[in-house]
């Protein structure tokens, strides 16, 4: 049986591949206007977040381009390259390498939010507020909360408007989303709610220094929590082996 998180990822992937296939089939010629988010939401019956994710991915692989003023056009009919080479965590063990994944995230996401805060739009902030509300609503549901938690961080990457960062994030989506499930199941929701509220506030005021500091503190607190959990669970196991 598929989890809610897997279903959400599958839906995003489905819309992306449908649009990609239509572009490759020549539905829209190079230079022609690409449908708006509202048009695609109505056509496919999905949310704006799902459509926006697909559009961001199409742009990351070089098929479309969003111009100043919001107009999006088709610029290629073939993907310009694979994202597999950008996946440094594709062979990670999701449980034993949790700290490694979090260290990677601290390095990348601190810089990402520093860039995003300078480029974030009111629509991006509205999406983040909607996702944060999902976290509050589902604070007692690990799967739904971790899904919203992942979406929050992914939205920050998308708000950077940097195609390489977006592409790299998408390339390791499976690792990031699955480790998020494990982190929330081990540490609960309190850390996430506290720091995401603070991050959202700093993003609203476009405070770059605060955003970077909060992201680093957030991920360091998570690393410390995971290390503490692993040390506590390891000690009884070692004592049992000695006895």
C-alpha atoms as a PDB file:
ATOM      1  CA  UNK A   1       0.000   0.000   0.000  1.00  0.00           C
ATOM      2  CA  UNK A   2       1.379   3.388  -0.979  1.00  0.00           C
ATOM      3  CA  UNK A   3       1.923   6.053   1.681  1.00  0.00           C
ATOM      4  CA  UNK A   4       0.569   9.587   1.425  1.00  0.00           C
ATOM      5  CA  UNK A   5       4.101  10.856   0.824  1.00  0.00           C
ATOM      6  CA  UNK A   6       4.661   8.373  -2.006  1.00  0.00           C
ATOM      7  CA  UNK A   7       1.328   9.291  -3.558  1.00  0.00           C
ATOM      8  CA  UNK A   8       2.182  13.003  -3.475  1.00  0.00           C
ATOM      9  CA  UNK A   9       5.577  12.375  -5.047  1.00  0.00           C
ATOM     10  CA  UNK A  10       3.965  10.126  -7.657  1.00  0.00           C
ATOM     11  CA  UNK A  11       1.399  12.800  -8.558  1.00  0.00           C
ATOM     12  CA  UNK A  12       4.097  15.444  -8.981  1.00  0.00           C
ATOM     13  CA  UNK A  13       6.103  13.036 -11.133  1.00  0.00           C
ATOM     14  CA  UNK A  14       3.038  12.179 -13.229  1.00  0.00           C
ATOM     15  CA  UNK A  15       2.277  15.818 -14.054  1.00  0.00           C
ATOM     16  CA  UNK A  16       5.931  16.511 -14.838  1.00  0.00           C
ATOM     17  CA  UNK A  17       6.192  13.529 -17.194  1.00  0.00           C
ATOM     18  CA  UNK A  18       2.875  14.307 -18.903  1.00  0.00           C
ATOM     19  CA  UNK A  19       3.976  17.870 -19.623  1.00  0.00           C
ATOM     20  CA  UNK A  20       7.475  16.744 -20.622  1.00  0.00           C
ATOM     21  CA  UNK A  21       6.031  14.194 -23.045  1.00  0.00           C
ATOM     22  CA  UNK A  22       3.734  16.805 -24.573  1.00  0.00           C
ATOM     23  CA  UNK A  23       6.637  19.207 -25.063  1.00  0.00           C
ATOM     24  CA  UNK A  24       8.736  16.468 -26.684  1.00  0.00           C
ATOM     25  CA  UNK A  25       5.793  15.509 -28.892  1.00  0.00           C
ATOM     26  CA  UNK A  26       5.585  19.074 -30.190  1.00  0.00           C
ATOM     27  CA  UNK A  27       2.338  20.160 -28.538  1.00  0.00           C
ATOM     28  CA  UNK A  28       3.984  23.548 -28.033  1.00  0.00           C
ATOM     29  CA  UNK A  29       6.573  24.837 -30.481  1.00  0.00           C
ATOM     30  CA  UNK A  30       9.858  26.384 -29.380  1.00  0.00           C
ATOM     31  CA  UNK A  31       9.184  30.013 -28.527  1.00  0.00           C
ATOM     32  CA  UNK A  32       5.482  29.477 -27.925  1.00  0.00           C
ATOM     33  CA  UNK A  33       3.773  30.442 -24.679  1.00  0.00           C
ATOM     34  CA  UNK A  34       3.478  27.663 -22.103  1.00  0.00           C
ATOM     35  CA  UNK A  35       0.115  27.287 -20.277  1.00  0.00           C
ATOM     36  CA  UNK A  36      -0.299  29.183 -17.016  1.00  0.00           C
ATOM     37  CA  UNK A  37      -0.444  27.522 -13.606  1.00  0.00           C
ATOM     38  CA  UNK A  38      -4.196  28.146 -13.403  1.00  0.00           C
ATOM     39  CA  UNK A  39      -4.771  26.541 -16.808  1.00  0.00           C
ATOM     40  CA  UNK A  40      -2.769  23.459 -15.854  1.00  0.00           C
ATOM     41  CA  UNK A  41      -4.470  23.188 -12.451  1.00  0.00           C
ATOM     42  CA  UNK A  42      -7.856  23.149 -14.177  1.00  0.00           C
ATOM     43  CA  UNK A  43      -6.750  20.771 -16.918  1.00  0.00           C
ATOM     44  CA  UNK A  44      -5.225  18.165 -14.604  1.00  0.00           C
ATOM     45  CA  UNK A  45      -7.349  18.765 -11.506  1.00  0.00           C
ATOM     46  CA  UNK A  46      -4.383  19.169  -9.175  1.00  0.00           C
ATOM     47  CA  UNK A  47      -3.154  21.809  -6.726  1.00  0.00           C
ATOM     48  CA  UNK A  48      -1.056  24.846  -7.572  1.00  0.00           C
ATOM     49  CA  UNK A  49       1.848  23.435  -5.544  1.00  0.00           C
ATOM     50  CA  UNK A  50       1.839  20.261  -7.661  1.00  0.00           C
ATOM     51  CA  UNK A  51       1.727  22.217 -10.930  1.00  0.00           C
ATOM     52  CA  UNK A  52       4.385  24.664  -9.781  1.00  0.00           C
ATOM     53  CA  UNK A  53       6.676  21.784  -8.823  1.00  0.00           C
ATOM     54  CA  UNK A  54       6.284  20.283 -12.315  1.00  0.00           C
ATOM     55  CA  UNK A  55       6.969  23.651 -13.949  1.00  0.00           C
ATOM     56  CA  UNK A  56      10.078  24.160 -11.802  1.00  0.00           C
ATOM     57  CA  UNK A  57      11.348  20.733 -12.843  1.00  0.00           C
ATOM     58  CA  UNK A  58      10.659  21.406 -16.530  1.00  0.00           C
ATOM     59  CA  UNK A  59      12.615  24.636 -16.195  1.00  0.00           C
ATOM     60  CA  UNK A  60      15.446  22.889 -14.330  1.00  0.00           C
ATOM     61  CA  UNK A  61      15.951  20.401 -17.180  1.00  0.00           C
ATOM     62  CA  UNK A  62      15.887  23.220 -19.728  1.00  0.00           C
ATOM     63  CA  UNK A  63      12.578  22.660 -21.523  1.00  0.00           C
ATOM     64  CA  UNK A  64      10.882  25.921 -20.551  1.00  0.00           C
ATOM     65  CA  UNK A  65      11.939  29.342 -19.317  1.00  0.00           C
ATOM     66  CA  UNK A  66      10.093  31.889 -17.204  1.00  0.00           C
ATOM     67  CA  UNK A  67      10.744  35.451 -18.308  1.00  0.00           C
ATOM     68  CA  UNK A  68      10.445  38.738 -16.446  1.00  0.00           C
ATOM     69  CA  UNK A  69       6.774  39.499 -16.029  1.00  0.00           C
ATOM     70  CA  UNK A  70       5.853  35.873 -15.459  1.00  0.00           C
ATOM     71  CA  UNK A  71       5.544  34.752 -19.098  1.00  0.00           C
ATOM     72  CA  UNK A  72       6.782  31.188 -19.621  1.00  0.00           C
ATOM     73  CA  UNK A  73       7.863  29.858 -23.022  1.00  0.00           C
ATOM     74  CA  UNK A  74       9.106  26.568 -24.449  1.00  0.00           C
ATOM     75  CA  UNK A  75      12.834  26.830 -25.229  1.00  0.00           C
ATOM     76  CA  UNK A  76      13.744  23.213 -26.008  1.00  0.00           C
ATOM     77  CA  UNK A  77      11.967  19.993 -26.970  1.00  0.00           C
ATOM     78  CA  UNK A  78      14.572  17.617 -25.530  1.00  0.00           C
ATOM     79  CA  UNK A  79      15.944  17.422 -21.986  1.00  0.00           C
ATOM     80  CA  UNK A  80      19.478  18.835 -21.934  1.00  0.00           C
ATOM     81  CA  UNK A  81      20.934  16.239 -19.572  1.00  0.00           C
ATOM     82  CA  UNK A  82      20.408  13.714 -16.815  1.00  0.00           C
ATOM     83  CA  UNK A  83      20.222  14.601 -13.127  1.00  0.00           C
ATOM     84  CA  UNK A  84      21.594  11.255 -11.935  1.00  0.00           C
ATOM     85  CA  UNK A  85      25.169  12.556 -11.800  1.00  0.00           C
ATOM     86  CA  UNK A  86      24.009  15.227  -9.332  1.00  0.00           C
ATOM     87  CA  UNK A  87      22.858  12.621  -6.804  1.00  0.00           C
ATOM     88  CA  UNK A  88      25.669  12.250  -4.234  1.00  0.00           C
ATOM     89  CA  UNK A  89      23.338  10.410  -1.827  1.00  0.00           C
ATOM     90  CA  UNK A  90      21.779   7.893  -4.202  1.00  0.00           C
ATOM     91  CA  UNK A  91      23.385   4.954  -2.343  1.00  0.00           C
ATOM     92  CA  UNK A  92      22.917   6.317   1.183  1.00  0.00           C
ATOM     93  CA  UNK A  93      21.585   4.060   3.935  1.00  0.00           C
ATOM     94  CA  UNK A  94      18.670   6.159   5.140  1.00  0.00           C
ATOM     95  CA  UNK A  95      18.938   5.083   8.794  1.00  0.00           C
ATOM     96  CA  UNK A  96      22.680   4.867   9.455  1.00  0.00           C
ATOM     97  CA  UNK A  97      23.548   7.891   7.313  1.00  0.00           C
ATOM     98  CA  UNK A  98      21.022  10.282   8.845  1.00  0.00           C
ATOM     99  CA  UNK A  99      23.722  12.533  10.266  1.00  0.00           C
ATOM    100  CA  UNK A 100      25.587  12.591   6.939  1.00  0.00           C
ATOM    101  CA  UNK A 101      22.416  13.608   5.132  1.00  0.00           C
ATOM    102  CA  UNK A 102      21.760  16.340   7.705  1.00  0.00           C
ATOM    103  CA  UNK A 103      25.337  17.628   7.417  1.00  0.00           C
ATOM    104  CA  UNK A 104      24.906  17.791   3.649  1.00  0.00           C
ATOM    105  CA  UNK A 105      21.637  19.660   4.132  1.00  0.00           C
ATOM    106  CA  UNK A 106      23.218  22.164   6.532  1.00  0.00           C
ATOM    107  CA  UNK A 107      25.922  23.077   4.034  1.00  0.00           C
ATOM    108  CA  UNK A 108      23.514  23.348   1.094  1.00  0.00           C
ATOM    109  CA  UNK A 109      20.374  24.719   2.721  1.00  0.00           C
ATOM    110  CA  UNK A 110      22.087  27.515   4.631  1.00  0.00           C
ATOM    111  CA  UNK A 111      23.364  28.884   1.330  1.00  0.00           C
ATOM    112  CA  UNK A 112      20.113  28.137  -0.440  1.00  0.00           C
ATOM    113  CA  UNK A 113      17.956  30.127   1.975  1.00  0.00           C
ATOM    114  CA  UNK A 114      20.484  32.985   1.808  1.00  0.00           C
ATOM    115  CA  UNK A 115      19.847  33.139  -1.923  1.00  0.00           C
ATOM    116  CA  UNK A 116      16.101  32.479  -1.668  1.00  0.00           C
ATOM    117  CA  UNK A 117      15.480  35.321   0.788  1.00  0.00           C
ATOM    118  CA  UNK A 118      16.766  37.775  -1.830  1.00  0.00           C
ATOM    119  CA  UNK A 119      14.503  36.409  -4.577  1.00  0.00           C
ATOM    120  CA  UNK A 120      11.408  35.125  -2.797  1.00  0.00           C
ATOM    121  CA  UNK A 121       8.060  36.403  -4.077  1.00  0.00           C
ATOM    122  CA  UNK A 122       4.773  37.012  -2.303  1.00  0.00           C
ATOM    123  CA  UNK A 123       3.387  33.904  -4.033  1.00  0.00           C
ATOM    124  CA  UNK A 124       6.319  31.858  -2.697  1.00  0.00           C
ATOM    125  CA  UNK A 125       5.624  33.139   0.821  1.00  0.00           C
ATOM    126  CA  UNK A 126       1.942  32.278   0.445  1.00  0.00           C
ATOM    127  CA  UNK A 127       2.920  28.723  -0.519  1.00  0.00           C
ATOM    128  CA  UNK A 128       5.240  28.456   2.490  1.00  0.00           C
ATOM    129  CA  UNK A 129       2.497  29.712   4.819  1.00  0.00           C
ATOM    130  CA  UNK A 130       0.113  27.119   3.385  1.00  0.00           C
ATOM    131  CA  UNK A 131       2.682  24.357   3.896  1.00  0.00           C
ATOM    132  CA  UNK A 132       3.419  25.518   7.461  1.00  0.00           C
ATOM    133  CA  UNK A 133      -0.307  25.404   8.223  1.00  0.00           C
ATOM    134  CA  UNK A 134      -0.293  21.813   6.962  1.00  0.00           C
ATOM    135  CA  UNK A 135       2.443  21.074   9.500  1.00  0.00           C
ATOM    136  CA  UNK A 136       0.353  22.543  12.319  1.00  0.00           C
ATOM    137  CA  UNK A 137      -2.785  20.685  11.256  1.00  0.00           C
ATOM    138  CA  UNK A 138      -0.957  17.351  11.002  1.00  0.00           C
ATOM    139  CA  UNK A 139       1.305  17.673  14.050  1.00  0.00           C
ATOM    140  CA  UNK A 140      -0.049  14.350  15.345  1.00  0.00           C
ATOM    141  CA  UNK A 141       0.396  12.474  12.049  1.00  0.00           C
ATOM    142  CA  UNK A 142       4.052  11.600  11.388  1.00  0.00           C
ATOM    143  CA  UNK A 143       3.625  10.838   7.682  1.00  0.00           C
ATOM    144  CA  UNK A 144       1.639  13.961   6.814  1.00  0.00           C
ATOM    145  CA  UNK A 145       3.804  16.187   9.004  1.00  0.00           C
ATOM    146  CA  UNK A 146       7.067  14.909   7.499  1.00  0.00           C
ATOM    147  CA  UNK A 147       5.645  15.364   4.010  1.00  0.00           C
ATOM    148  CA  UNK A 148       4.823  19.003   4.783  1.00  0.00           C
ATOM    149  CA  UNK A 149       8.241  19.441   6.418  1.00  0.00           C
ATOM    150  CA  UNK A 150       9.952  18.203   3.254  1.00  0.00           C
ATOM    151  CA  UNK A 151       7.753  20.408   1.044  1.00  0.00           C
ATOM    152  CA  UNK A 152       8.711  23.468   3.137  1.00  0.00           C
ATOM    153  CA  UNK A 153      12.420  22.940   2.520  1.00  0.00           C
ATOM    154  CA  UNK A 154      11.864  22.102  -1.135  1.00  0.00           C
ATOM    155  CA  UNK A 155       9.879  25.301  -1.572  1.00  0.00           C
ATOM    156  CA  UNK A 156      12.798  27.295  -0.188  1.00  0.00           C
ATOM    157  CA  UNK A 157      15.036  25.701  -2.831  1.00  0.00           C
ATOM    158  CA  UNK A 158      12.502  26.606  -5.526  1.00  0.00           C
ATOM    159  CA  UNK A 159      12.370  30.174  -4.194  1.00  0.00           C
ATOM    160  CA  UNK A 160      16.104  30.542  -4.879  1.00  0.00           C
ATOM    161  CA  UNK A 161      15.211  30.639  -8.612  1.00  0.00           C
ATOM    162  CA  UNK A 162      18.512  28.817  -9.214  1.00  0.00           C
ATOM    163  CA  UNK A 163      18.000  25.956 -11.675  1.00  0.00           C
ATOM    164  CA  UNK A 164      21.038  23.999 -10.445  1.00  0.00           C
ATOM    165  CA  UNK A 165      19.921  24.091  -6.803  1.00  0.00           C
ATOM    166  CA  UNK A 166      16.398  23.087  -7.800  1.00  0.00           C
ATOM    167  CA  UNK A 167      17.690  20.281 -10.013  1.00  0.00           C
ATOM    168  CA  UNK A 168      20.059  18.991  -7.300  1.00  0.00           C
ATOM    169  CA  UNK A 169      17.207  18.993  -4.776  1.00  0.00           C
ATOM    170  CA  UNK A 170      14.979  17.026  -7.135  1.00  0.00           C
ATOM    171  CA  UNK A 171      17.766  14.564  -7.918  1.00  0.00           C
ATOM    172  CA  UNK A 172      17.926  13.415  -4.275  1.00  0.00           C
ATOM    173  CA  UNK A 173      14.246  13.866  -3.461  1.00  0.00           C
ATOM    174  CA  UNK A 174      13.801  10.224  -2.456  1.00  0.00           C
ATOM    175  CA  UNK A 175      16.654  10.390   0.064  1.00  0.00           C
ATOM    176  CA  UNK A 176      15.552  13.730   1.511  1.00  0.00           C
ATOM    177  CA  UNK A 177      11.881  12.815   1.875  1.00  0.00           C
ATOM    178  CA  UNK A 178      12.523   9.353   3.334  1.00  0.00           C
ATOM    179  CA  UNK A 179      15.057  10.602   5.871  1.00  0.00           C
ATOM    180  CA  UNK A 180      12.551  13.290   6.846  1.00  0.00           C
ATOM    181  CA  UNK A 181      10.105  10.527   7.766  1.00  0.00           C
ATOM    182  CA  UNK A 182      12.721   8.899   9.984  1.00  0.00           C
ATOM    183  CA  UNK A 183      13.770  12.164  11.632  1.00  0.00           C
ATOM    184  CA  UNK A 184      10.193  13.102  12.558  1.00  0.00           C
ATOM    185  CA  UNK A 185       9.452   9.599  13.840  1.00  0.00           C
ATOM    186  CA  UNK A 186      12.522   9.765  16.110  1.00  0.00           C
ATOM    187  CA  UNK A 187      12.414  13.389  17.286  1.00  0.00           C
ATOM    188  CA  UNK A 188       8.764  14.374  16.966  1.00  0.00           C
ATOM    189  CA  UNK A 189       7.367  17.634  15.581  1.00  0.00           C
ATOM    190  CA  UNK A 190       8.340  20.278  18.160  1.00  0.00           C
ATOM    191  CA  UNK A 191      11.734  21.207  16.665  1.00  0.00           C
ATOM    192  CA  UNK A 192      10.261  21.450  13.177  1.00  0.00           C
ATOM    193  CA  UNK A 193       7.342  23.633  14.205  1.00  0.00           C
ATOM    194  CA  UNK A 194       9.535  26.008  16.224  1.00  0.00           C
ATOM    195  CA  UNK A 195      12.161  26.577  13.549  1.00  0.00           C
ATOM    196  CA  UNK A 196       9.823  26.644  10.576  1.00  0.00           C
ATOM    197  CA  UNK A 197       7.783  29.372  12.267  1.00  0.00           C
ATOM    198  CA  UNK A 198      10.973  31.379  12.864  1.00  0.00           C
ATOM    199  CA  UNK A 199      12.234  30.766   9.320  1.00  0.00           C
ATOM    200  CA  UNK A 200       8.942  31.895   7.834  1.00  0.00           C
ATOM    201  CA  UNK A 201       9.040  35.084   9.905  1.00  0.00           C
ATOM    202  CA  UNK A 202      12.629  35.850   8.817  1.00  0.00           C
ATOM    203  CA  UNK A 203      11.737  35.189   5.165  1.00  0.00           C
ATOM    204  CA  UNK A 204       8.786  37.588   5.398  1.00  0.00           C
ATOM    205  CA  UNK A 205      11.089  40.385   6.573  1.00  0.00           C
ATOM    206  CA  UNK A 206      13.779  39.421   4.021  1.00  0.00           C
ATOM    207  CA  UNK A 207      16.361  39.122   6.819  1.00  0.00           C
ATOM    208  CA  UNK A 208      19.210  37.212   5.138  1.00  0.00           C
ATOM    209  CA  UNK A 209      21.454  36.916   8.209  1.00  0.00           C
ATOM    210  CA  UNK A 210      18.589  35.648  10.378  1.00  0.00           C
ATOM    211  CA  UNK A 211      17.494  33.128   7.716  1.00  0.00           C
ATOM    212  CA  UNK A 212      20.985  31.663   7.403  1.00  0.00           C
ATOM    213  CA  UNK A 213      21.520  31.536  11.164  1.00  0.00           C
ATOM    214  CA  UNK A 214      18.121  29.935  11.813  1.00  0.00           C
ATOM    215  CA  UNK A 215      18.620  27.314   9.118  1.00  0.00           C
ATOM    216  CA  UNK A 216      21.997  26.384  10.579  1.00  0.00           C
ATOM    217  CA  UNK A 217      20.556  26.253  14.117  1.00  0.00           C
ATOM    218  CA  UNK A 218      17.578  24.210  12.937  1.00  0.00           C
ATOM    219  CA  UNK A 219      19.694  21.539  11.254  1.00  0.00           C
ATOM    220  CA  UNK A 220      22.299  21.524  14.049  1.00  0.00           C
ATOM    221  CA  UNK A 221      19.546  20.975  16.618  1.00  0.00           C
ATOM    222  CA  UNK A 222      18.275  18.093  14.505  1.00  0.00           C
ATOM    223  CA  UNK A 223      21.767  16.602  14.183  1.00  0.00           C
ATOM    224  CA  UNK A 224      22.271  16.863  17.947  1.00  0.00           C
ATOM    225  CA  UNK A 225      18.904  15.207  18.543  1.00  0.00           C
ATOM    226  CA  UNK A 226      19.689  12.311  16.207  1.00  0.00           C
ATOM    227  CA  UNK A 227      23.164  11.811  17.700  1.00  0.00           C
ATOM    228  CA  UNK A 228      21.683  11.783  21.200  1.00  0.00           C
ATOM    229  CA  UNK A 229      19.030   9.258  20.154  1.00  0.00           C
ATOM    230  CA  UNK A 230      21.601   6.983  18.525  1.00  0.00           C
ATOM    231  CA  UNK A 231      23.907   7.149  21.556  1.00  0.00           C
ATOM    232  CA  UNK A 232      21.076   6.332  23.955  1.00  0.00           C
ATOM    233  CA  UNK A 233      19.873   3.376  21.883  1.00  0.00           C
ATOM    234  CA  UNK A 234      23.431   2.105  21.310  1.00  0.00           C
ATOM    235  CA  UNK A 235      24.342   1.931  25.020  1.00  0.00           C
ATOM    236  CA  UNK A 236      21.676  -0.620  26.048  1.00  0.00           C
ATOM    237  CA  UNK A 237      22.635  -2.735  23.007  1.00  0.00           C
ATOM    238  CA  UNK A 238      26.341  -2.693  23.986  1.00  0.00           C
ATOM    239  CA  UNK A 239      25.470  -3.564  27.604  1.00  0.00           C
ATOM    240  CA  UNK A 240      23.325  -6.447  26.398  1.00  0.00           C
ATOM    241  CA  UNK A 241      26.178  -7.810  24.274  1.00  0.00           C
ATOM    242  CA  UNK A 242      28.616  -7.553  27.197  1.00  0.00           C
ATOM    243  CA  UNK A 243      26.250  -9.470  29.471  1.00  0.00           C
END
